[in-house]
Amino acid sequence: MEISIAQIKELREATGAGVLECRKTLEETQGDMEQAVALLKEKGLARAAKKAERATQDGLVEVYGHPGNRVGVMLEVNCESDFVASTQDFKSLVHELALHIAFSNPKHIRSEDIPVDVLEAQRTVFYAEAAAAGKPANVLDRIVQVNLDKYLDEVCLLRQPFVKDDKVKVGDLVTNAIAKLGENIVVRRFVRYELGEE
Protein backbone atom coordinates (compact mmCIF):
# COMPACT_ATOMS: atom_id res chain seq x y z
CA MET A 1 0.00 0.00 0.00
CA GLU A 2 1.25 3.47 -0.92
CA ILE A 3 1.43 5.88 2.06
CA SER A 4 0.87 9.53 1.12
CA ILE A 5 2.69 12.53 2.51
CA ALA A 6 -0.70 13.87 3.69
CA GLN A 7 -1.26 10.73 5.77
CA ILE A 8 2.21 11.01 7.32
CA LYS A 9 1.62 14.69 8.07
CA GLU A 10 -1.77 13.96 9.67
CA LEU A 11 -0.31 11.21 11.88
CA ARG A 12 2.65 13.38 12.83
CA GLU A 13 0.35 16.23 13.88
CA ALA A 14 -1.81 13.85 15.90
CA THR A 15 1.05 12.16 17.75
CA GLY A 16 4.19 14.28 17.53
CA ALA A 17 6.14 11.23 16.29
CA GLY A 18 8.95 11.53 13.74
CA VAL A 19 8.35 11.33 9.98
CA LEU A 20 10.04 7.94 9.56
CA GLU A 21 8.24 6.52 12.59
CA CYS A 22 4.91 7.73 11.16
CA ARG A 23 5.62 6.20 7.74
CA LYS A 24 6.68 2.88 9.28
CA THR A 25 3.61 2.75 11.54
CA LEU A 26 1.23 3.59 8.68
CA GLU A 27 2.80 0.82 6.61
CA GLU A 28 2.37 -1.60 9.56
CA THR A 29 -1.29 -0.67 9.92
CA GLN A 30 -1.88 -0.52 6.14
CA GLY A 31 -2.91 3.14 6.28
CA ASP A 32 -5.45 2.77 9.11
CA MET A 33 -5.05 6.15 10.87
CA GLU A 34 -6.90 5.19 14.06
CA GLN A 35 -4.86 2.03 14.50
CA ALA A 36 -1.63 3.93 13.72
CA VAL A 37 -2.38 6.57 16.39
CA ALA A 38 -3.09 3.84 18.96
CA LEU A 39 0.11 1.97 18.06
CA LEU A 40 2.26 5.10 18.27
CA LYS A 41 0.66 6.03 21.59
CA GLU A 42 1.44 2.56 22.93
CA LYS A 43 5.06 2.82 21.74
CA GLY A 44 5.32 6.31 23.25
CA LEU A 45 4.05 5.17 26.64
CA ALA A 46 6.57 2.31 26.62
CA ARG A 47 9.34 4.82 25.85
CA ALA A 48 8.04 7.08 28.62
CA ALA A 49 8.33 4.24 31.15
CA LYS A 50 11.95 3.67 30.10
CA LYS A 51 12.76 7.36 30.62
CA ALA A 52 11.35 7.47 34.17
CA GLU A 53 14.76 6.83 35.78
CA ARG A 54 16.63 9.54 33.88
CA ALA A 55 17.84 12.63 35.74
CA THR A 56 15.79 15.82 35.47
CA GLN A 57 17.76 18.95 36.27
CA ASP A 58 16.23 21.55 33.99
CA GLY A 59 12.65 22.74 33.79
CA LEU A 60 10.45 25.64 34.80
CA VAL A 61 8.92 27.31 37.81
CA GLU A 62 5.42 28.54 37.02
CA VAL A 63 3.70 31.18 39.12
CA TYR A 64 -0.03 31.19 38.46
CA GLY A 65 -2.59 33.61 39.85
CA HIS A 66 -6.16 32.45 39.35
CA PRO A 67 -8.48 35.21 38.00
CA GLY A 68 -9.47 37.45 40.87
CA ASN A 69 -6.13 36.71 42.57
CA ARG A 70 -7.74 34.79 45.44
CA VAL A 71 -5.73 31.64 44.64
CA GLY A 72 -2.08 31.43 43.67
CA VAL A 73 0.17 28.52 42.78
CA MET A 74 3.93 28.18 42.54
CA LEU A 75 4.95 24.97 40.77
CA GLU A 76 8.29 23.40 39.77
CA VAL A 77 8.32 20.88 36.92
CA ASN A 78 11.62 19.37 35.79
CA CYS A 79 12.82 17.86 32.52
CA GLU A 80 16.19 16.67 31.23
CA SER A 81 17.27 19.62 29.06
CA ASP A 82 16.85 23.37 28.69
CA PHE A 83 15.87 22.71 25.05
CA VAL A 84 12.70 20.85 26.09
CA ALA A 85 12.07 23.33 28.93
CA SER A 86 11.89 26.12 26.33
CA THR A 87 9.38 24.34 24.06
CA GLN A 88 5.80 25.52 23.88
CA ASP A 89 4.53 22.00 24.65
CA PHE A 90 6.44 21.88 27.95
CA LYS A 91 5.48 25.43 28.93
CA SER A 92 1.85 24.62 28.17
CA LEU A 93 1.99 21.45 30.29
CA VAL A 94 3.43 23.34 33.27
CA HIS A 95 0.81 26.08 32.95
CA GLU A 96 -2.03 23.54 32.73
CA LEU A 97 -0.70 21.74 35.82
CA ALA A 98 -0.58 25.02 37.78
CA LEU A 99 -4.13 25.85 36.70
CA HIS A 100 -5.26 22.37 37.75
CA ILE A 101 -3.62 22.73 41.19
CA ALA A 102 -5.34 26.09 41.72
CA PHE A 103 -8.71 24.51 40.96
CA SER A 104 -8.39 21.04 42.55
CA ASN A 105 -6.27 21.81 45.62
CA PRO A 106 -4.27 18.55 45.85
CA LYS A 107 -2.30 17.97 49.05
CA HIS A 108 0.44 15.72 47.62
CA ILE A 109 2.02 15.00 44.24
CA ARG A 110 1.83 11.18 44.41
CA SER A 111 0.51 8.63 46.91
CA GLU A 112 4.08 7.69 47.93
CA ASP A 113 4.46 11.24 49.34
CA ILE A 114 1.76 10.73 51.98
CA PRO A 115 3.17 9.86 55.41
CA VAL A 116 2.40 6.28 56.48
CA ASP A 117 0.74 7.42 59.71
CA VAL A 118 -1.68 9.65 57.75
CA LEU A 119 -2.64 6.73 55.48
CA GLU A 120 -3.10 4.40 58.45
CA ALA A 121 -5.27 6.96 60.25
CA GLN A 122 -7.42 7.31 57.13
CA ARG A 123 -7.65 3.52 56.78
CA THR A 124 -8.79 3.28 60.42
CA VAL A 125 -11.50 5.90 59.84
CA PHE A 126 -12.79 4.07 56.74
CA TYR A 127 -12.76 0.74 58.59
CA ALA A 128 -14.72 2.20 61.52
CA GLU A 129 -17.27 3.79 59.15
CA ALA A 130 -17.81 0.53 57.25
CA ALA A 131 -18.12 -1.49 60.46
CA ALA A 132 -20.58 1.05 61.94
CA ALA A 133 -22.68 0.78 58.78
CA GLY A 134 -23.05 -2.94 59.51
CA LYS A 135 -21.08 -4.18 56.50
CA PRO A 136 -20.19 -7.91 56.64
CA ALA A 137 -16.68 -8.72 57.92
CA ASN A 138 -15.71 -10.54 54.73
CA VAL A 139 -16.10 -7.34 52.62
CA LEU A 140 -14.75 -4.77 55.09
CA ASP A 141 -11.21 -4.84 53.68
CA ARG A 142 -12.48 -4.39 50.11
CA ILE A 143 -14.69 -1.45 51.16
CA VAL A 144 -11.80 0.16 53.03
CA GLN A 145 -9.53 -0.22 49.97
CA VAL A 146 -12.13 1.31 47.63
CA ASN A 147 -12.56 4.28 50.00
CA LEU A 148 -8.80 4.64 50.37
CA ASP A 149 -8.40 4.69 46.57
CA LYS A 150 -11.07 7.41 46.32
CA TYR A 151 -9.25 9.40 49.02
CA LEU A 152 -5.94 9.10 47.13
CA ASP A 153 -7.66 10.21 43.91
CA GLU A 154 -8.81 13.34 45.75
CA VAL A 155 -5.56 14.35 47.48
CA CYS A 156 -2.82 13.21 45.04
CA LEU A 157 -2.17 15.49 42.06
CA LEU A 158 -1.12 12.74 39.63
CA ARG A 159 -4.20 10.62 40.45
CA GLN A 160 -6.74 13.43 40.05
CA PRO A 161 -8.92 13.71 36.95
CA PHE A 162 -7.63 16.66 34.90
CA VAL A 163 -9.80 19.73 35.42
CA LYS A 164 -10.24 20.39 31.67
CA ASP A 165 -10.95 16.74 30.75
CA ASP A 166 -12.08 14.44 33.58
CA LYS A 167 -11.51 11.34 31.42
CA VAL A 168 -7.74 11.96 31.68
CA LYS A 169 -5.74 11.67 34.91
CA VAL A 170 -3.08 14.32 35.56
CA GLY A 171 -0.47 11.55 35.68
CA ASP A 172 -1.50 10.48 32.16
CA LEU A 173 -1.12 14.07 31.00
CA VAL A 174 2.50 14.03 32.22
CA THR A 175 3.15 10.56 30.75
CA ASN A 176 1.79 11.68 27.36
CA ALA A 177 4.07 14.73 27.47
CA ILE A 178 7.05 12.44 28.20
CA ALA A 179 6.13 10.30 25.20
CA LYS A 180 5.70 13.35 22.95
CA LEU A 181 8.75 15.35 24.08
CA GLY A 182 11.09 12.37 24.47
CA GLU A 183 12.41 13.32 27.91
CA ASN A 184 11.61 12.40 31.48
CA ILE A 185 9.36 14.98 33.17
CA VAL A 186 8.89 15.17 36.93
CA VAL A 187 6.48 17.32 38.93
CA ARG A 188 8.94 18.29 41.68
CA ARG A 189 6.94 20.43 44.11
CA PHE A 190 4.18 22.98 44.45
CA VAL A 191 2.68 25.44 46.90
CA ARG A 192 -0.92 26.61 46.71
CA TYR A 193 -2.15 29.72 48.48
CA GLU A 194 -5.75 30.71 48.97
CA LEU A 195 -6.73 34.10 50.38
CA GLY A 196 -7.69 33.81 54.06
CA GLU A 197 -6.53 30.19 54.37
CA GLU A 198 -4.51 29.25 57.46
Foldseek 3Di string as FASTA:
>chain_A
DDDDPVLLVVLCVLQLDDSVLSVVLCVVVVNPSVSSNVVLLVVLLVLQVVQQPPDWDAADWDWDQDPVRQKIKTWTKTWRDVVLRPDPLRVVLRVLLRVQCRVQVAAEAAPVPDDPVVLVVLLVVQLVVCVVVVHDPVCSVVSSVVVSLVVRCRRHQQNDQRPVGSVDGSVVVQSSSCSNSVIHMGGDDMDMGGPPDD
